[in-house]
C-alpha atoms as a PDB file:
ATOM      1  CA  MET A   1       1.622  28.589 -16.646  1.00  0.00           C
ATOM      2  CA  THR A   2      -0.759  25.442 -16.201  1.00  0.00           C
ATOM      3  CA  ILE A   3      -0.008  22.443 -14.301  1.00  0.00           C
ATOM      4  CA  ASP A   4      -0.818  19.129 -15.537  1.00  0.00           C
ATOM      5  CA  TRP A   5      -2.544  17.639 -12.546  1.00  0.00           C
ATOM      6  CA  LEU A   6      -3.055  13.897 -14.344  1.00  0.00           C
ATOM      7  CA  ALA A   7       1.116  13.641 -14.789  1.00  0.00           C
ATOM      8  CA  PHE A   8       1.167  14.647 -11.312  1.00  0.00           C
ATOM      9  CA  LEU A   9      -0.599  12.323  -9.840  1.00  0.00           C
ATOM     10  CA  GLN A  10       0.715   9.632 -11.811  1.00  0.00           C
ATOM     11  CA  VAL A  11       4.435  10.773 -10.532  1.00  0.00           C
ATOM     12  CA  PHE A  12       2.644  10.361  -7.155  1.00  0.00           C
ATOM     13  CA  ALA A  13       0.856   7.544  -7.625  1.00  0.00           C
ATOM     14  CA  ALA A  14       4.366   5.540  -8.672  1.00  0.00           C
ATOM     15  CA  ALA A  15       6.573   6.695  -6.162  1.00  0.00           C
ATOM     16  CA  LEU A  16       3.961   5.623  -3.509  1.00  0.00           C
ATOM     17  CA  VAL A  17       3.967   2.117  -5.081  1.00  0.00           C
ATOM     18  CA  ALA A  18       7.208   1.610  -5.983  1.00  0.00           C
ATOM     19  CA  GLY A  19       8.474   2.590  -1.965  1.00  0.00           C
ATOM     20  CA  VAL A  20       5.672   0.010  -0.423  1.00  0.00           C
ATOM     21  CA  VAL A  21       6.992  -2.468  -2.834  1.00  0.00           C
ATOM     22  CA  VAL A  22      10.770  -1.426  -1.707  1.00  0.00           C
ATOM     23  CA  VAL A  23      10.263  -1.355   1.666  1.00  0.00           C
ATOM     24  CA  GLY A  24       7.455  -3.967   2.168  1.00  0.00           C
ATOM     25  CA  PHE A  25      10.067  -6.822  -0.445  1.00  0.00           C
ATOM     26  CA  TYR A  26      12.932  -5.568   2.150  1.00  0.00           C
ATOM     27  CA  ALA A  27      11.394  -5.767   5.264  1.00  0.00           C
ATOM     28  CA  THR A  28       9.664  -9.315   4.081  1.00  0.00           C
ATOM     29  CA  GLY A  29      12.826 -10.472   2.776  1.00  0.00           C
ATOM     30  CA  LEU A  30      14.692  -9.525   6.620  1.00  0.00           C
ATOM     31  CA  ARG A  31      11.856 -11.457   8.491  1.00  0.00           C
ATOM     32  CA  LEU A  32      12.446 -14.766   6.327  1.00  0.00           C
ATOM     33  CA  LEU A  33      16.559 -14.504   6.595  1.00  0.00           C
ATOM     34  CA  ALA A  34      15.485 -14.498  10.445  1.00  0.00           C
ATOM     35  CA  ARG A  35      13.327 -17.492   9.893  1.00  0.00           C
ATOM     36  CA  SER A  36      16.031 -19.224   8.096  1.00  0.00           C
ATOM     37  CA  GLY A  37      17.905 -19.150  10.964  1.00  0.00           C
ATOM     38  CA  ARG A  38      20.463 -16.555   9.807  1.00  0.00           C
ATOM     39  CA  ILE A  39      20.163 -13.362  11.757  1.00  0.00           C
ATOM     40  CA  PRO A  40      21.944 -10.605  10.349  1.00  0.00           C
ATOM     41  CA  VAL A  41      24.429  -9.226  13.315  1.00  0.00           C
ATOM     42  CA  VAL A  42      26.257  -6.041  11.843  1.00  0.00           C
ATOM     43  CA  ALA A  43      29.052  -4.549  13.565  1.00  0.00           C
ATOM     44  CA  PRO A  44      28.627  -0.815  13.863  1.00  0.00           C
ATOM     45  CA  ALA A  45      31.105   1.690  12.176  1.00  0.00           C
ATOM     46  CA  VAL A  46      33.404   3.471  14.683  1.00  0.00           C
ATOM     47  CA  PHE A  47      33.096   6.837  14.138  1.00  0.00           C
ATOM     48  CA  THR A  48      35.387   9.366  16.602  1.00  0.00           C
ATOM     49  CA  ASP A  49      32.723  10.693  17.426  1.00  0.00           C
ATOM     50  CA  ALA A  50      29.929   8.350  17.874  1.00  0.00           C
ATOM     51  CA  ILE A  51      27.488   8.762  20.985  1.00  0.00           C
ATOM     52  CA  ALA A  52      26.951   4.894  21.322  1.00  0.00           C
ATOM     53  CA  VAL A  53      29.543   2.747  19.813  1.00  0.00           C
ATOM     54  CA  MET A  54      29.394  -1.249  20.311  1.00  0.00           C
ATOM     55  CA  THR A  55      31.910  -2.652  22.272  1.00  0.00           C
ATOM     56  CA  PRO A  56      33.384  -6.136  20.816  1.00  0.00           C
ATOM     57  CA  LYS A  57      31.825  -8.057  24.206  1.00  0.00           C
ATOM     58  CA  GLN A  58      28.736  -6.742  23.131  1.00  0.00           C
ATOM     59  CA  ILE A  59      28.910  -7.274  19.572  1.00  0.00           C
ATOM     60  CA  ALA A  60      29.784 -11.003  20.823  1.00  0.00           C
ATOM     61  CA  LYS A  61      27.199 -11.081  23.324  1.00  0.00           C
ATOM     62  CA  ALA A  62      24.577 -10.456  20.252  1.00  0.00           C
ATOM     63  CA  GLN A  63      25.831 -13.251  18.005  1.00  0.00           C
ATOM     64  CA  LYS A  64      25.514 -15.500  20.619  1.00  0.00           C
ATOM     65  CA  GLN A  65      21.794 -14.310  20.573  1.00  0.00           C
ATOM     66  CA  ALA A  66      21.472 -14.606  17.208  1.00  0.00           C
ATOM     67  CA  ASP A  67      23.235 -18.184  17.033  1.00  0.00           C
ATOM     68  CA  LYS A  68      20.662 -19.167  20.151  1.00  0.00           C
ATOM     69  CA  ALA A  69      17.387 -17.882  18.550  1.00  0.00           C
ATOM     70  CA  ALA A  70      18.510 -19.598  14.926  1.00  0.00           C
ATOM     71  CA  ARG A  71      19.079 -23.286  16.968  1.00  0.00           C
ATOM     72  CA  ARG A  72      15.424 -22.557  18.751  1.00  0.00           C
ATOM     73  CA  SER A  73      13.753 -22.236  15.745  1.00  0.00           C
ATOM     74  CA  PRO A  74      11.051 -24.949  14.932  1.00  0.00           C
ATOM     75  CA  LEU A  75      11.157 -24.896  11.298  1.00  0.00           C
ATOM     76  CA  THR A  76      12.807 -28.245   9.590  1.00  0.00           C
ATOM     77  CA  GLU A  77      15.587 -27.681   7.691  1.00  0.00           C
ATOM     78  CA  GLY A  78      13.374 -27.748   4.390  1.00  0.00           C
ATOM     79  CA  GLN A  79      11.299 -24.944   5.549  1.00  0.00           C
ATOM     80  CA  ARG A  80      14.591 -23.293   6.425  1.00  0.00           C
ATOM     81  CA  GLN A  81      16.025 -23.885   2.980  1.00  0.00           C
ATOM     82  CA  LEU A  82      12.515 -22.216   1.492  1.00  0.00           C
ATOM     83  CA  ALA A  83      12.207 -19.151   4.036  1.00  0.00           C
ATOM     84  CA  LEU A  84      16.168 -18.428   2.601  1.00  0.00           C
ATOM     85  CA  VAL A  85      15.306 -18.595  -0.942  1.00  0.00           C
ATOM     86  CA  GLY A  86      12.449 -16.483  -0.444  1.00  0.00           C
ATOM     87  CA  ALA A  87      14.045 -14.006   1.454  1.00  0.00           C
ATOM     88  CA  PHE A  88      16.897 -13.782  -1.404  1.00  0.00           C
ATOM     89  CA  ALA A  89      13.921 -13.621  -3.674  1.00  0.00           C
ATOM     90  CA  CYS A  90      12.753 -10.269  -1.935  1.00  0.00           C
ATOM     91  CA  PHE A  91      16.246  -8.585  -1.949  1.00  0.00           C
ATOM     92  CA  ALA A  92      16.242  -9.568  -5.820  1.00  0.00           C
ATOM     93  CA  VAL A  93      12.811  -7.623  -6.334  1.00  0.00           C
ATOM     94  CA  VAL A  94      14.589  -4.816  -4.238  1.00  0.00           C
ATOM     95  CA  VAL A  95      17.525  -4.283  -6.026  1.00  0.00           C
ATOM     96  CA  LEU A  96      15.577  -4.736  -9.451  1.00  0.00           C
ATOM     97  CA  ALA A  97      12.784  -1.921  -8.464  1.00  0.00           C
ATOM     98  CA  VAL A  98      16.028   0.318  -7.250  1.00  0.00           C
ATOM     99  CA  LEU A  99      18.152  -0.103 -10.482  1.00  0.00           C
ATOM    100  CA  ALA A 100      14.710   0.458 -12.164  1.00  0.00           C
ATOM    101  CA  GLY A 101      14.134   3.401 -10.926  1.00  0.00           C
ATOM    102  CA  ILE A 102      17.688   4.400 -11.224  1.00  0.00           C
ATOM    103  CA  LEU A 103      17.424   3.416 -15.345  1.00  0.00           C
ATOM    104  CA  LEU A 104      14.214   5.748 -15.522  1.00  0.00           C
ATOM    105  CA  ILE A 105      15.951   8.855 -14.153  1.00  0.00           C
ATOM    106  CA  VAL A 106      19.276   8.587 -16.125  1.00  0.00           C
ATOM    107  CA  LEU A 107      17.823   7.598 -19.637  1.00  0.00           C
ATOM    108  CA  GLY A 108      14.332   9.810 -18.718  1.00  0.00           C
END
């Protein structure tokens, strides 16, 4: 039994680069989304055995804080729009990277 170490290193490098690309672009997209004034506030799912569940009051408070932070933004309206476009572009790169990975698995 022989191991093709070059192929192993190629797969390792591809996985490392793909992981950095997906996580990096997703984090950048979230940052740009927040800078554009659209801070994502997600209500948690309610599970019967959940350790911590946010109450509607806590969700409303988080939404109020997000709205307040969006109003305090020092960016102009044009800069906010540019940040929003950049955020969507980053999310598009993430989606394309994930789809490419799925296609490689399915077709390969």
